[in-house]
Amino acid sequence: MKIVAINGSHRKGKNTAKMLETVLEEASSLGAEVELMELCDYDIKHCLSCNKCLRRPECSIKDDDMAPLGEKLLAADGIILGSPVYWHNVTTLMKNFMDRTRYMHMTANLLGGKAGAAVTHAGLRNGGQEACLAIMENFMKSQGLLVVDDRNADGGILSAGATGTMLADYQDGKVSFRKSVEEDEIAISACRQIGRNMVHLLKRLD
């Protein structure tokens, strides 16, 4: 069982990466082979809109890192996307990655039947996390992935997904911020639950 995570943050190893690492650590503890990939480490050119992928499942761009990244997606059983919120949306890195997976979708859903999940992070509470999460989840559903959420086994709900925030408190007009998403107990708990839920789903699909 192989689970890969794709970090769309421009800031390598920061809060979004920590959320993804938490998901992967939980999945690894249950026996999954895991890998985190930072999009900022990859040279991924923009889609040319040449439409060659309408005829066969391959991209016309051959001189960048999308092909080896795509091979990792095809070899994985589960895929987790992570992006901080940029204007109620994913980052440029994540959007460009999504665009370049078009060849995996147009003639057939090459990623269909895999498990998927998403995490996101923003500076503010209600800072666009749900919109950003929906964008990534809708992308995965369009690719044919089975998207898991953070609901725990007894049906309890702590949040509407793995959505972190730096905002810690607001008292008497004064705002306090967390130093790291690791201090956001609900977000970290949601990430762990996603790791468990993905492994459980993949075991049922096996």
C-alpha atoms as a PDB file:
ATOM      1  CA  MET A   1       0.000   0.000   0.000  1.00  0.00           C
ATOM      2  CA  LYS A   2       1.614   3.255  -1.177  1.00  0.00           C
ATOM      3  CA  ILE A   3       0.330   6.714  -0.224  1.00  0.00           C
ATOM      4  CA  VAL A   4       1.864   9.889  -1.647  1.00  0.00           C
ATOM      5  CA  ALA A   5       1.287  13.482  -0.574  1.00  0.00           C
ATOM      6  CA  ILE A   6       1.672  16.524  -2.822  1.00  0.00           C
ATOM      7  CA  ASN A   7       2.471  19.830  -1.121  1.00  0.00           C
ATOM      8  CA  GLY A   8       1.476  22.884  -3.149  1.00  0.00           C
ATOM      9  CA  SER A   9       2.954  25.401  -0.734  1.00  0.00           C
ATOM     10  CA  HIS A  10       5.649  27.795  -1.908  1.00  0.00           C
ATOM     11  CA  ARG A  11       7.182  27.449   1.571  1.00  0.00           C
ATOM     12  CA  LYS A  12       8.783  24.040   1.806  1.00  0.00           C
ATOM     13  CA  GLY A  13       8.485  22.219   5.113  1.00  0.00           C
ATOM     14  CA  LYS A  14       6.123  24.724   6.713  1.00  0.00           C
ATOM     15  CA  ASN A  15       2.549  24.385   7.991  1.00  0.00           C
ATOM     16  CA  THR A  16       0.966  22.622   5.018  1.00  0.00           C
ATOM     17  CA  ALA A  17       3.876  20.194   4.901  1.00  0.00           C
ATOM     18  CA  LYS A  18       3.441  19.511   8.620  1.00  0.00           C
ATOM     19  CA  MET A  19      -0.221  18.683   8.071  1.00  0.00           C
ATOM     20  CA  LEU A  20       0.646  16.310   5.240  1.00  0.00           C
ATOM     21  CA  GLU A  21       3.429  14.741   7.303  1.00  0.00           C
ATOM     22  CA  THR A  22       0.920  14.118  10.101  1.00  0.00           C
ATOM     23  CA  VAL A  23      -1.398  12.297   7.696  1.00  0.00           C
ATOM     24  CA  LEU A  24       1.489  10.234   6.354  1.00  0.00           C
ATOM     25  CA  GLU A  25       2.848   9.410   9.818  1.00  0.00           C
ATOM     26  CA  GLU A  26      -0.531   8.032  10.839  1.00  0.00           C
ATOM     27  CA  ALA A  27      -0.832   6.025   7.623  1.00  0.00           C
ATOM     28  CA  SER A  28       2.713   4.727   8.036  1.00  0.00           C
ATOM     29  CA  SER A  29       1.955   3.570  11.578  1.00  0.00           C
ATOM     30  CA  LEU A  30      -0.774   1.389  10.053  1.00  0.00           C
ATOM     31  CA  GLY A  31       1.564  -0.205   7.533  1.00  0.00           C
ATOM     32  CA  ALA A  32       1.454   2.111   4.513  1.00  0.00           C
ATOM     33  CA  GLU A  33       4.517   3.079   2.496  1.00  0.00           C
ATOM     34  CA  VAL A  34       4.476   6.874   2.307  1.00  0.00           C
ATOM     35  CA  GLU A  35       6.191   9.705   0.440  1.00  0.00           C
ATOM     36  CA  LEU A  36       5.897  13.500   0.571  1.00  0.00           C
ATOM     37  CA  MET A  37       6.603  15.508  -2.566  1.00  0.00           C
ATOM     38  CA  GLU A  38       7.078  19.272  -2.476  1.00  0.00           C
ATOM     39  CA  LEU A  39       5.968  20.892  -5.733  1.00  0.00           C
ATOM     40  CA  CYS A  40       8.514  23.674  -5.221  1.00  0.00           C
ATOM     41  CA  ASP A  41      11.200  21.027  -5.834  1.00  0.00           C
ATOM     42  CA  TYR A  42       9.815  20.215  -9.292  1.00  0.00           C
ATOM     43  CA  ASP A  43      10.104  22.046 -12.599  1.00  0.00           C
ATOM     44  CA  ILE A  44       6.566  21.873 -13.972  1.00  0.00           C
ATOM     45  CA  LYS A  45       5.843  23.996 -17.021  1.00  0.00           C
ATOM     46  CA  HIS A  46       2.453  25.489 -17.796  1.00  0.00           C
ATOM     47  CA  CYS A  47      -0.095  23.605 -19.867  1.00  0.00           C
ATOM     48  CA  LEU A  48       0.097  24.698 -23.511  1.00  0.00           C
ATOM     49  CA  SER A  49      -3.563  23.936 -24.236  1.00  0.00           C
ATOM     50  CA  CYS A  50      -2.397  22.014 -27.296  1.00  0.00           C
ATOM     51  CA  ASN A  51      -5.208  19.455 -26.768  1.00  0.00           C
ATOM     52  CA  LYS A  52      -3.041  16.514 -27.827  1.00  0.00           C
ATOM     53  CA  CYS A  53      -4.163  14.716 -24.662  1.00  0.00           C
ATOM     54  CA  LEU A  54      -7.687  14.666 -26.096  1.00  0.00           C
ATOM     55  CA  ARG A  55      -6.540  11.884 -28.433  1.00  0.00           C
ATOM     56  CA  ARG A  56      -4.232   9.823 -26.226  1.00  0.00           C
ATOM     57  CA  PRO A  57      -3.291   9.811 -22.527  1.00  0.00           C
ATOM     58  CA  GLU A  58       0.034  11.596 -22.628  1.00  0.00           C
ATOM     59  CA  CYS A  59       1.297  15.157 -22.353  1.00  0.00           C
ATOM     60  CA  SER A  60       3.127  16.839 -25.213  1.00  0.00           C
ATOM     61  CA  ILE A  61       5.535  18.561 -22.794  1.00  0.00           C
ATOM     62  CA  LYS A  62       8.493  16.219 -22.298  1.00  0.00           C
ATOM     63  CA  ASP A  63      11.285  18.448 -20.938  1.00  0.00           C
ATOM     64  CA  ASP A  64      10.149  19.015 -17.345  1.00  0.00           C
ATOM     65  CA  ASP A  65       9.418  17.021 -14.198  1.00  0.00           C
ATOM     66  CA  MET A  66       5.726  16.296 -14.721  1.00  0.00           C
ATOM     67  CA  ALA A  67       6.244  12.849 -16.248  1.00  0.00           C
ATOM     68  CA  PRO A  68       8.176  11.364 -13.291  1.00  0.00           C
ATOM     69  CA  LEU A  69       5.737  13.022 -10.880  1.00  0.00           C
ATOM     70  CA  GLY A  70       2.860  11.529 -12.844  1.00  0.00           C
ATOM     71  CA  GLU A  71       4.451   8.083 -12.611  1.00  0.00           C
ATOM     72  CA  LYS A  72       4.474   8.410  -8.824  1.00  0.00           C
ATOM     73  CA  LEU A  73       0.762   9.224  -8.885  1.00  0.00           C
ATOM     74  CA  LEU A  74       0.009   6.230 -11.094  1.00  0.00           C
ATOM     75  CA  ALA A  75       2.003   3.912  -8.836  1.00  0.00           C
ATOM     76  CA  ALA A  76       0.274   5.138  -5.658  1.00  0.00           C
ATOM     77  CA  ASP A  77      -2.828   3.663  -4.063  1.00  0.00           C
ATOM     78  CA  GLY A  78      -3.672   6.866  -2.199  1.00  0.00           C
ATOM     79  CA  ILE A  79      -3.031  10.539  -3.019  1.00  0.00           C
ATOM     80  CA  ILE A  80      -3.219  13.455  -0.583  1.00  0.00           C
ATOM     81  CA  LEU A  81      -3.135  17.049  -1.766  1.00  0.00           C
ATOM     82  CA  GLY A  82      -2.194  19.977   0.437  1.00  0.00           C
ATOM     83  CA  SER A  83      -2.270  23.702  -0.250  1.00  0.00           C
ATOM     84  CA  PRO A  84      -2.353  26.856   1.814  1.00  0.00           C
ATOM     85  CA  VAL A  85      -5.173  29.236   0.949  1.00  0.00           C
ATOM     86  CA  TYR A  86      -4.370  31.924  -1.620  1.00  0.00           C
ATOM     87  CA  TRP A  87      -7.415  34.160  -2.216  1.00  0.00           C
ATOM     88  CA  HIS A  88      -9.901  31.389  -1.306  1.00  0.00           C
ATOM     89  CA  ASN A  89      -8.110  29.119  -3.755  1.00  0.00           C
ATOM     90  CA  VAL A  90      -5.114  26.826  -4.094  1.00  0.00           C
ATOM     91  CA  THR A  91      -1.637  28.154  -4.807  1.00  0.00           C
ATOM     92  CA  THR A  92      -0.222  28.694  -8.282  1.00  0.00           C
ATOM     93  CA  LEU A  93       1.956  25.615  -7.801  1.00  0.00           C
ATOM     94  CA  MET A  94      -1.024  23.411  -7.002  1.00  0.00           C
ATOM     95  CA  LYS A  95      -3.213  24.816  -9.785  1.00  0.00           C
ATOM     96  CA  ASN A  96      -0.469  24.326 -12.353  1.00  0.00           C
ATOM     97  CA  PHE A  97       0.023  20.743 -11.143  1.00  0.00           C
ATOM     98  CA  MET A  98      -3.722  20.128 -11.515  1.00  0.00           C
ATOM     99  CA  ASP A  99      -3.711  21.554 -15.033  1.00  0.00           C
ATOM    100  CA  ARG A 100      -0.829  19.321 -16.069  1.00  0.00           C
ATOM    101  CA  THR A 101      -2.638  16.154 -14.946  1.00  0.00           C
ATOM    102  CA  ARG A 102      -5.154  16.738 -17.737  1.00  0.00           C
ATOM    103  CA  TYR A 103      -3.680  13.861 -19.758  1.00  0.00           C
ATOM    104  CA  MET A 104      -4.640  11.512 -16.934  1.00  0.00           C
ATOM    105  CA  HIS A 105      -8.304  12.440 -17.304  1.00  0.00           C
ATOM    106  CA  MET A 106      -9.306  13.252 -20.869  1.00  0.00           C
ATOM    107  CA  THR A 107      -9.322   9.830 -22.540  1.00  0.00           C
ATOM    108  CA  ALA A 108      -9.745   7.836 -19.316  1.00  0.00           C
ATOM    109  CA  ASN A 109      -9.441   8.419 -15.581  1.00  0.00           C
ATOM    110  CA  LEU A 110      -5.983   6.921 -15.134  1.00  0.00           C
ATOM    111  CA  LEU A 111      -6.127   7.682 -11.403  1.00  0.00           C
ATOM    112  CA  GLY A 112      -9.641   6.291 -11.034  1.00  0.00           C
ATOM    113  CA  GLY A 113     -10.327   4.046  -8.058  1.00  0.00           C
ATOM    114  CA  LYS A 114      -7.485   5.366  -5.923  1.00  0.00           C
ATOM    115  CA  ALA A 115      -8.142   6.947  -2.534  1.00  0.00           C
ATOM    116  CA  GLY A 116      -7.811  10.712  -2.213  1.00  0.00           C
ATOM    117  CA  ALA A 117      -7.825  13.359   0.496  1.00  0.00           C
ATOM    118  CA  ALA A 118      -6.907  17.009   0.966  1.00  0.00           C
ATOM    119  CA  VAL A 119      -5.646  19.350   3.679  1.00  0.00           C
ATOM    120  CA  THR A 120      -5.383  23.125   3.750  1.00  0.00           C
ATOM    121  CA  HIS A 121      -4.159  25.932   5.973  1.00  0.00           C
ATOM    122  CA  ALA A 122      -4.721  29.677   6.270  1.00  0.00           C
ATOM    123  CA  GLY A 123      -3.695  32.526   8.521  1.00  0.00           C
ATOM    124  CA  LEU A 124      -7.226  33.380   9.621  1.00  0.00           C
ATOM    125  CA  ARG A 125     -10.187  31.417  10.884  1.00  0.00           C
ATOM    126  CA  ASN A 126     -12.761  31.361   8.057  1.00  0.00           C
ATOM    127  CA  GLY A 127      -9.906  32.356   5.774  1.00  0.00           C
ATOM    128  CA  GLY A 128     -11.094  30.432   2.727  1.00  0.00           C
ATOM    129  CA  GLN A 129     -10.161  26.952   3.936  1.00  0.00           C
ATOM    130  CA  GLU A 130     -13.446  25.305   2.987  1.00  0.00           C
ATOM    131  CA  ALA A 131     -13.353  26.780  -0.528  1.00  0.00           C
ATOM    132  CA  CYS A 132      -9.757  25.665  -1.021  1.00  0.00           C
ATOM    133  CA  LEU A 133     -10.531  22.200   0.304  1.00  0.00           C
ATOM    134  CA  ALA A 134     -13.527  21.892  -2.029  1.00  0.00           C
ATOM    135  CA  ILE A 135     -11.372  22.810  -5.045  1.00  0.00           C
ATOM    136  CA  MET A 136      -8.883  20.032  -4.311  1.00  0.00           C
ATOM    137  CA  GLU A 137     -11.575  17.485  -3.480  1.00  0.00           C
ATOM    138  CA  ASN A 138     -13.559  18.307  -6.638  1.00  0.00           C
ATOM    139  CA  PHE A 139     -10.378  17.911  -8.683  1.00  0.00           C
ATOM    140  CA  MET A 140      -9.827  14.452  -7.222  1.00  0.00           C
ATOM    141  CA  LYS A 141     -13.435  13.428  -7.749  1.00  0.00           C
ATOM    142  CA  SER A 142     -13.164  14.486 -11.392  1.00  0.00           C
ATOM    143  CA  GLN A 143     -10.083  12.288 -11.679  1.00  0.00           C
ATOM    144  CA  GLY A 144     -12.111   9.356 -10.337  1.00  0.00           C
ATOM    145  CA  LEU A 145     -10.572   9.180  -6.866  1.00  0.00           C
ATOM    146  CA  LEU A 146     -12.575   8.064  -3.836  1.00  0.00           C
ATOM    147  CA  VAL A 147     -12.246  10.986  -1.433  1.00  0.00           C
ATOM    148  CA  VAL A 148     -12.024  10.292   2.290  1.00  0.00           C
ATOM    149  CA  ASP A 149     -12.878  12.779   5.034  1.00  0.00           C
ATOM    150  CA  ASP A 150     -11.884  13.195   8.687  1.00  0.00           C
ATOM    151  CA  ARG A 151     -14.955  11.620  10.302  1.00  0.00           C
ATOM    152  CA  ASN A 152     -13.928   9.225  13.057  1.00  0.00           C
ATOM    153  CA  ALA A 153     -15.103   5.666  13.490  1.00  0.00           C
ATOM    154  CA  ASP A 154     -17.925   6.450  15.933  1.00  0.00           C
ATOM    155  CA  GLY A 155     -19.333   9.122  13.622  1.00  0.00           C
ATOM    156  CA  GLY A 156     -18.107  12.137  15.559  1.00  0.00           C
ATOM    157  CA  ILE A 157     -17.285  15.366  13.732  1.00  0.00           C
ATOM    158  CA  LEU A 158     -14.702  17.897  14.912  1.00  0.00           C
ATOM    159  CA  SER A 159     -14.417  19.917  11.705  1.00  0.00           C
ATOM    160  CA  ALA A 160     -15.462  20.098   8.070  1.00  0.00           C
ATOM    161  CA  GLY A 161     -12.127  18.685   6.964  1.00  0.00           C
ATOM    162  CA  ALA A 162      -8.443  19.077   7.753  1.00  0.00           C
ATOM    163  CA  THR A 163      -8.383  22.871   7.814  1.00  0.00           C
ATOM    164  CA  GLY A 164      -5.779  24.631   9.928  1.00  0.00           C
ATOM    165  CA  THR A 165      -5.447  28.251  10.999  1.00  0.00           C
ATOM    166  CA  MET A 166      -2.768  30.370  12.646  1.00  0.00           C
ATOM    167  CA  LEU A 167      -5.417  32.375  14.542  1.00  0.00           C
ATOM    168  CA  ALA A 168      -5.373  31.220  18.151  1.00  0.00           C
ATOM    169  CA  ASP A 169      -7.568  33.667  20.052  1.00  0.00           C
ATOM    170  CA  TYR A 170      -9.255  37.062  20.084  1.00  0.00           C
ATOM    171  CA  GLN A 171      -9.693  38.802  23.418  1.00  0.00           C
ATOM    172  CA  ASP A 172     -10.569  42.466  24.058  1.00  0.00           C
ATOM    173  CA  GLY A 173      -9.647  43.465  20.523  1.00  0.00           C
ATOM    174  CA  LYS A 174      -6.274  41.714  20.643  1.00  0.00           C
ATOM    175  CA  VAL A 175      -5.423  38.897  18.258  1.00  0.00           C
ATOM    176  CA  SER A 176      -3.016  36.095  19.130  1.00  0.00           C
ATOM    177  CA  PHE A 177      -1.526  33.712  16.616  1.00  0.00           C
ATOM    178  CA  ARG A 178      -0.096  30.218  16.851  1.00  0.00           C
ATOM    179  CA  LYS A 179       3.554  29.644  16.062  1.00  0.00           C
ATOM    180  CA  SER A 180       2.754  26.508  14.068  1.00  0.00           C
ATOM    181  CA  VAL A 181      -0.182  24.449  12.867  1.00  0.00           C
ATOM    182  CA  GLU A 182       1.075  21.810  15.281  1.00  0.00           C
ATOM    183  CA  GLU A 183      -0.569  23.924  18.008  1.00  0.00           C
ATOM    184  CA  ASP A 184      -3.947  23.609  16.233  1.00  0.00           C
ATOM    185  CA  GLU A 185      -5.216  20.464  17.945  1.00  0.00           C
ATOM    186  CA  ILE A 186      -8.342  20.118  15.810  1.00  0.00           C
ATOM    187  CA  ALA A 187      -6.394  20.386  12.536  1.00  0.00           C
ATOM    188  CA  ILE A 188      -3.791  17.863  13.673  1.00  0.00           C
ATOM    189  CA  SER A 189      -6.493  15.488  14.923  1.00  0.00           C
ATOM    190  CA  ALA A 190      -8.249  15.767  11.535  1.00  0.00           C
ATOM    191  CA  CYS A 191      -5.002  14.963   9.721  1.00  0.00           C
ATOM    192  CA  ARG A 192      -4.449  11.857  11.822  1.00  0.00           C
ATOM    193  CA  GLN A 193      -8.012  10.730  11.178  1.00  0.00           C
ATOM    194  CA  ILE A 194      -7.580  11.192   7.436  1.00  0.00           C
ATOM    195  CA  GLY A 195      -4.494   8.971   7.575  1.00  0.00           C
ATOM    196  CA  ARG A 196      -6.466   6.274   9.384  1.00  0.00           C
ATOM    197  CA  ASN A 197      -9.483   6.591   7.106  1.00  0.00           C
ATOM    198  CA  MET A 198      -7.394   6.345   3.960  1.00  0.00           C
ATOM    199  CA  VAL A 199      -5.637   3.194   5.114  1.00  0.00           C
ATOM    200  CA  HIS A 200      -8.935   1.614   6.168  1.00  0.00           C
ATOM    201  CA  LEU A 201     -10.475   2.420   2.772  1.00  0.00           C
ATOM    202  CA  LEU A 202      -7.512   1.028   0.880  1.00  0.00           C
ATOM    203  CA  LYS A 203      -7.659  -2.193   2.887  1.00  0.00           C
ATOM    204  CA  ARG A 204     -11.313  -2.586   1.968  1.00  0.00           C
ATOM    205  CA  LEU A 205     -10.539  -1.948  -1.695  1.00  0.00           C
ATOM    206  CA  ASP A 206      -7.670  -4.455  -1.754  1.00  0.00           C
END
